[in-house]
Amino acid sequence: MSAVAENVCQNCGACCAYSANWPRFTVEDDAALDLIPAEYVNERQSGMRCEGDRCSALSGEIGAATSCTIYAVRPEVCRTCLPGDVECNMARRRHGLPAIEVRP
């Protein structure tokens, strides 16, 4: 991710507070899952533990300044959400944030 994209994400965090069902584990192998601290994994071990719709690994204020406390070992679903993609803008709308336009 580019430095500009990282700054957009660190000023947003909407995707990490969209749905308790969104941060699901899908393609991770056991070795990757073992790197995620247990306190951040839900009881079913099917995804990230959430407080309401907010991922427990998210720190900060949505739309202002956020960060992922487990960024280096975050699940694949978190890695594939990119600034301005459909999922990103859907989450931003839910939080009253303007869409990000992706320019070629």
N, C-alpha and C. Protein backbone atom coordinates (compact mmCIF):
# COMPACT_ATOMS: atom_id res chain seq x y z
N MET A 1 0.86 -1.18 0.00
CA MET A 1 0.00 0.00 0.00
C MET A 1 0.90 1.23 0.00
N SER A 2 0.51 2.19 -0.78
CA SER A 2 1.32 3.41 -0.86
C SER A 2 1.19 4.24 0.41
N ALA A 3 2.10 5.17 0.59
CA ALA A 3 2.06 6.04 1.77
C ALA A 3 0.77 6.86 1.78
N VAL A 4 0.32 7.32 0.61
CA VAL A 4 -0.92 8.09 0.53
C VAL A 4 -2.10 7.22 0.96
N ALA A 5 -2.16 5.98 0.47
CA ALA A 5 -3.24 5.07 0.83
C ALA A 5 -3.22 4.77 2.32
N GLU A 6 -2.04 4.56 2.88
CA GLU A 6 -1.95 4.30 4.32
C GLU A 6 -2.49 5.48 5.11
N ASN A 7 -2.17 6.71 4.70
CA ASN A 7 -2.67 7.89 5.40
C ASN A 7 -4.18 7.97 5.33
N VAL A 8 -4.77 7.67 4.17
CA VAL A 8 -6.22 7.66 4.03
C VAL A 8 -6.81 6.64 5.01
N CYS A 9 -6.25 5.46 5.07
CA CYS A 9 -6.76 4.42 5.97
C CYS A 9 -6.59 4.82 7.43
N GLN A 10 -5.47 5.41 7.76
CA GLN A 10 -5.23 5.80 9.15
C GLN A 10 -6.06 7.00 9.57
N ASN A 11 -6.66 7.68 8.63
CA ASN A 11 -7.58 8.77 8.94
C ASN A 11 -9.03 8.31 8.83
N CYS A 12 -9.27 7.03 8.62
CA CYS A 12 -10.61 6.53 8.36
C CYS A 12 -10.99 5.43 9.35
N GLY A 13 -10.66 4.19 9.02
CA GLY A 13 -11.00 3.05 9.88
C GLY A 13 -12.41 2.53 9.70
N ALA A 14 -13.17 3.09 8.76
CA ALA A 14 -14.57 2.69 8.59
C ALA A 14 -14.72 1.21 8.26
N CYS A 15 -13.83 0.66 7.47
CA CYS A 15 -13.94 -0.76 7.09
C CYS A 15 -13.79 -1.67 8.30
N CYS A 16 -13.09 -1.21 9.31
CA CYS A 16 -12.85 -2.00 10.52
C CYS A 16 -13.99 -1.86 11.53
N ALA A 17 -14.97 -1.06 11.19
CA ALA A 17 -16.11 -0.85 12.08
C ALA A 17 -17.41 -0.92 11.29
N TYR A 18 -17.44 -1.78 10.29
CA TYR A 18 -18.60 -1.89 9.41
C TYR A 18 -19.58 -2.96 9.88
N SER A 19 -19.05 -4.12 10.26
CA SER A 19 -19.92 -5.24 10.62
C SER A 19 -19.14 -6.26 11.44
N ALA A 20 -19.79 -6.82 12.45
CA ALA A 20 -19.16 -7.86 13.25
C ALA A 20 -18.91 -9.12 12.43
N ASN A 21 -19.58 -9.25 11.29
CA ASN A 21 -19.41 -10.42 10.43
C ASN A 21 -18.37 -10.22 9.34
N TRP A 22 -17.86 -8.98 9.19
CA TRP A 22 -16.95 -8.71 8.09
C TRP A 22 -15.54 -9.22 8.33
N PRO A 23 -14.94 -9.00 9.49
CA PRO A 23 -13.54 -9.45 9.60
C PRO A 23 -13.44 -10.96 9.81
N ARG A 24 -13.85 -11.74 8.78
CA ARG A 24 -13.85 -13.21 8.83
C ARG A 24 -12.53 -13.76 8.31
N PHE A 25 -12.18 -14.91 8.85
CA PHE A 25 -11.02 -15.63 8.35
C PHE A 25 -11.48 -16.45 7.15
N THR A 26 -10.72 -16.42 6.06
CA THR A 26 -11.12 -17.15 4.86
C THR A 26 -10.00 -18.01 4.32
N VAL A 27 -8.91 -17.40 3.92
CA VAL A 27 -7.84 -18.15 3.26
C VAL A 27 -6.60 -18.32 4.15
N GLU A 28 -6.68 -17.87 5.38
CA GLU A 28 -5.52 -17.96 6.27
C GLU A 28 -5.24 -19.42 6.63
N ASP A 29 -3.97 -19.76 6.69
CA ASP A 29 -3.62 -21.09 7.16
C ASP A 29 -3.41 -21.03 8.67
N ASP A 30 -3.25 -22.19 9.29
CA ASP A 30 -3.11 -22.25 10.75
C ASP A 30 -1.93 -21.43 11.25
N ALA A 31 -0.83 -21.42 10.50
CA ALA A 31 0.34 -20.65 10.92
C ALA A 31 0.04 -19.16 10.97
N ALA A 32 -0.70 -18.66 9.98
CA ALA A 32 -1.07 -17.23 9.96
C ALA A 32 -2.04 -16.91 11.10
N LEU A 33 -2.99 -17.78 11.33
CA LEU A 33 -3.96 -17.55 12.40
C LEU A 33 -3.30 -17.58 13.78
N ASP A 34 -2.31 -18.42 13.94
CA ASP A 34 -1.60 -18.50 15.22
C ASP A 34 -0.87 -17.21 15.57
N LEU A 35 -0.59 -16.36 14.58
CA LEU A 35 0.10 -15.10 14.83
C LEU A 35 -0.83 -14.03 15.40
N ILE A 36 -2.14 -14.19 15.20
CA ILE A 36 -3.11 -13.22 15.71
C ILE A 36 -3.33 -13.50 17.19
N PRO A 37 -3.09 -12.52 18.06
CA PRO A 37 -3.28 -12.74 19.50
C PRO A 37 -4.70 -13.22 19.81
N ALA A 38 -4.81 -14.23 20.65
CA ALA A 38 -6.09 -14.88 20.94
C ALA A 38 -7.16 -13.91 21.43
N GLU A 39 -6.78 -12.86 22.12
CA GLU A 39 -7.79 -11.92 22.64
C GLU A 39 -8.52 -11.16 21.53
N TYR A 40 -8.00 -11.22 20.31
CA TYR A 40 -8.64 -10.53 19.18
C TYR A 40 -9.47 -11.48 18.30
N VAL A 41 -9.48 -12.76 18.63
CA VAL A 41 -10.20 -13.76 17.83
C VAL A 41 -11.55 -14.06 18.49
N ASN A 42 -12.61 -14.16 17.68
CA ASN A 42 -13.93 -14.42 18.26
C ASN A 42 -14.04 -15.82 18.84
N GLU A 43 -15.11 -16.06 19.57
CA GLU A 43 -15.30 -17.34 20.27
C GLU A 43 -15.36 -18.52 19.32
N ARG A 44 -15.93 -18.33 18.13
CA ARG A 44 -16.03 -19.41 17.14
C ARG A 44 -14.72 -19.62 16.39
N GLN A 45 -13.78 -18.73 16.61
CA GLN A 45 -12.48 -18.74 15.92
C GLN A 45 -12.65 -18.65 14.41
N SER A 46 -13.69 -17.92 14.00
CA SER A 46 -13.99 -17.77 12.58
C SER A 46 -13.63 -16.38 12.06
N GLY A 47 -13.25 -15.49 12.97
CA GLY A 47 -12.94 -14.13 12.56
C GLY A 47 -12.48 -13.32 13.75
N MET A 48 -12.38 -12.03 13.53
CA MET A 48 -11.93 -11.13 14.59
C MET A 48 -13.05 -10.88 15.60
N ARG A 49 -12.70 -10.73 16.86
CA ARG A 49 -13.66 -10.38 17.90
C ARG A 49 -14.03 -8.92 17.68
N CYS A 50 -15.30 -8.64 17.82
CA CYS A 50 -15.79 -7.28 17.62
C CYS A 50 -16.54 -6.81 18.86
N GLU A 51 -16.52 -5.52 19.04
CA GLU A 51 -17.32 -4.86 20.06
C GLU A 51 -18.38 -4.10 19.28
N GLY A 52 -19.58 -4.66 19.22
CA GLY A 52 -20.60 -4.16 18.31
C GLY A 52 -20.14 -4.50 16.90
N ASP A 53 -20.06 -3.51 16.04
CA ASP A 53 -19.58 -3.73 14.67
C ASP A 53 -18.10 -3.40 14.51
N ARG A 54 -17.46 -3.01 15.58
CA ARG A 54 -16.08 -2.54 15.53
C ARG A 54 -15.10 -3.66 15.89
N CYS A 55 -14.11 -3.87 15.03
CA CYS A 55 -13.07 -4.86 15.29
C CYS A 55 -12.32 -4.48 16.56
N SER A 56 -12.06 -5.45 17.41
CA SER A 56 -11.39 -5.18 18.68
C SER A 56 -9.93 -4.75 18.49
N ALA A 57 -9.37 -4.98 17.31
CA ALA A 57 -7.98 -4.57 17.05
C ALA A 57 -7.87 -3.14 16.56
N LEU A 58 -9.01 -2.49 16.31
CA LEU A 58 -8.99 -1.11 15.84
C LEU A 58 -8.83 -0.15 16.99
N SER A 59 -7.91 0.75 16.84
CA SER A 59 -7.65 1.78 17.85
C SER A 59 -7.95 3.14 17.23
N GLY A 60 -8.52 4.05 18.01
CA GLY A 60 -8.72 5.41 17.53
C GLY A 60 -10.16 5.73 17.20
N GLU A 61 -10.34 6.90 16.57
CA GLU A 61 -11.67 7.42 16.25
C GLU A 61 -11.93 7.34 14.74
N ILE A 62 -13.03 6.68 14.37
CA ILE A 62 -13.40 6.53 12.97
C ILE A 62 -13.49 7.91 12.31
N GLY A 63 -12.88 8.04 11.15
CA GLY A 63 -12.93 9.29 10.39
C GLY A 63 -11.95 10.35 10.86
N ALA A 64 -11.21 10.07 11.91
CA ALA A 64 -10.26 11.06 12.44
C ALA A 64 -8.84 10.51 12.44
N ALA A 65 -8.60 9.51 13.25
CA ALA A 65 -7.26 8.90 13.34
C ALA A 65 -7.42 7.50 13.90
N THR A 66 -7.06 6.50 13.11
CA THR A 66 -7.19 5.11 13.53
C THR A 66 -5.92 4.34 13.20
N SER A 67 -5.81 3.18 13.82
CA SER A 67 -4.73 2.25 13.48
C SER A 67 -5.16 0.85 13.90
N CYS A 68 -4.53 -0.12 13.28
CA CYS A 68 -4.78 -1.52 13.61
C CYS A 68 -3.67 -1.96 14.56
N THR A 69 -4.07 -2.47 15.71
CA THR A 69 -3.07 -2.87 16.70
C THR A 69 -2.36 -4.17 16.32
N ILE A 70 -2.88 -4.88 15.31
CA ILE A 70 -2.22 -6.11 14.84
C ILE A 70 -1.93 -6.03 13.35
N TYR A 71 -1.64 -4.83 12.86
CA TYR A 71 -1.49 -4.58 11.42
C TYR A 71 -0.61 -5.62 10.72
N ALA A 72 0.51 -5.95 11.26
CA ALA A 72 1.46 -6.86 10.59
C ALA A 72 0.91 -8.28 10.44
N VAL A 73 -0.04 -8.67 11.28
CA VAL A 73 -0.59 -10.03 11.22
C VAL A 73 -2.10 -10.03 10.95
N ARG A 74 -2.65 -8.92 10.45
CA ARG A 74 -4.09 -8.81 10.21
C ARG A 74 -4.54 -9.87 9.20
N PRO A 75 -5.82 -10.25 9.26
CA PRO A 75 -6.35 -11.27 8.34
C PRO A 75 -6.34 -10.81 6.88
N GLU A 76 -6.44 -11.77 6.00
CA GLU A 76 -6.43 -11.50 4.57
C GLU A 76 -7.55 -10.55 4.15
N VAL A 77 -8.74 -10.70 4.73
CA VAL A 77 -9.86 -9.83 4.36
C VAL A 77 -9.51 -8.36 4.62
N CYS A 78 -8.72 -8.11 5.63
CA CYS A 78 -8.29 -6.74 5.94
C CYS A 78 -7.25 -6.26 4.94
N ARG A 79 -6.46 -7.17 4.43
CA ARG A 79 -5.41 -6.81 3.47
C ARG A 79 -5.98 -6.49 2.09
N THR A 80 -7.13 -7.08 1.77
CA THR A 80 -7.67 -6.92 0.42
C THR A 80 -8.60 -5.73 0.28
N CYS A 81 -9.05 -5.13 1.36
CA CYS A 81 -9.88 -3.93 1.29
C CYS A 81 -8.95 -2.75 0.99
N LEU A 82 -9.19 -2.10 -0.13
CA LEU A 82 -8.31 -1.03 -0.56
C LEU A 82 -9.04 0.31 -0.60
N PRO A 83 -8.33 1.41 -0.38
CA PRO A 83 -8.95 2.73 -0.42
C PRO A 83 -9.69 2.96 -1.73
N GLY A 84 -10.97 3.31 -1.62
CA GLY A 84 -11.77 3.63 -2.79
C GLY A 84 -12.44 2.44 -3.45
N ASP A 85 -12.19 1.20 -2.98
CA ASP A 85 -12.89 0.08 -3.60
C ASP A 85 -14.33 0.02 -3.08
N VAL A 86 -15.12 -0.88 -3.61
CA VAL A 86 -16.54 -0.96 -3.27
C VAL A 86 -16.74 -1.13 -1.77
N GLU A 87 -15.99 -2.04 -1.15
CA GLU A 87 -16.14 -2.29 0.28
C GLU A 87 -15.76 -1.06 1.11
N CYS A 88 -14.67 -0.42 0.72
CA CYS A 88 -14.21 0.78 1.41
C CYS A 88 -15.28 1.86 1.40
N ASN A 89 -15.78 2.16 0.21
CA ASN A 89 -16.76 3.25 0.10
C ASN A 89 -18.09 2.89 0.74
N MET A 90 -18.47 1.62 0.74
CA MET A 90 -19.68 1.20 1.43
C MET A 90 -19.54 1.46 2.94
N ALA A 91 -18.39 1.11 3.49
CA ALA A 91 -18.14 1.34 4.92
C ALA A 91 -18.08 2.83 5.23
N ARG A 92 -17.45 3.59 4.37
CA ARG A 92 -17.36 5.03 4.58
C ARG A 92 -18.74 5.67 4.59
N ARG A 93 -19.62 5.26 3.66
CA ARG A 93 -20.98 5.80 3.63
C ARG A 93 -21.71 5.51 4.94
N ARG A 94 -21.53 4.31 5.45
CA ARG A 94 -22.20 3.93 6.70
C ARG A 94 -21.81 4.85 7.85
N HIS A 95 -20.60 5.36 7.81
CA HIS A 95 -20.11 6.24 8.86
C HIS A 95 -20.21 7.72 8.50
N GLY A 96 -20.91 8.01 7.41
CA GLY A 96 -21.12 9.40 7.01
C GLY A 96 -19.90 10.08 6.43
N LEU A 97 -18.97 9.28 5.93
CA LEU A 97 -17.75 9.82 5.32
C LEU A 97 -17.90 9.84 3.81
N PRO A 98 -17.30 10.81 3.13
CA PRO A 98 -17.41 10.85 1.68
C PRO A 98 -16.64 9.70 1.03
N ALA A 99 -17.13 9.31 -0.14
CA ALA A 99 -16.47 8.25 -0.90
C ALA A 99 -15.08 8.71 -1.34
N ILE A 100 -14.21 7.75 -1.53
CA ILE A 100 -12.88 8.02 -2.07
C ILE A 100 -12.93 7.69 -3.55
N GLU A 101 -12.57 8.65 -4.38
CA GLU A 101 -12.53 8.42 -5.82
C GLU A 101 -11.18 7.87 -6.20
N VAL A 102 -11.22 6.76 -6.92
CA VAL A 102 -9.98 6.15 -7.41
C VAL A 102 -9.72 6.68 -8.81
N ARG A 103 -8.56 7.25 -8.98
CA ARG A 103 -8.19 7.80 -10.29
C ARG A 103 -7.14 6.91 -10.92
N PRO A 104 -7.34 6.60 -12.22
CA PRO A 104 -6.37 5.72 -12.91
C PRO A 104 -5.01 6.34 -13.06
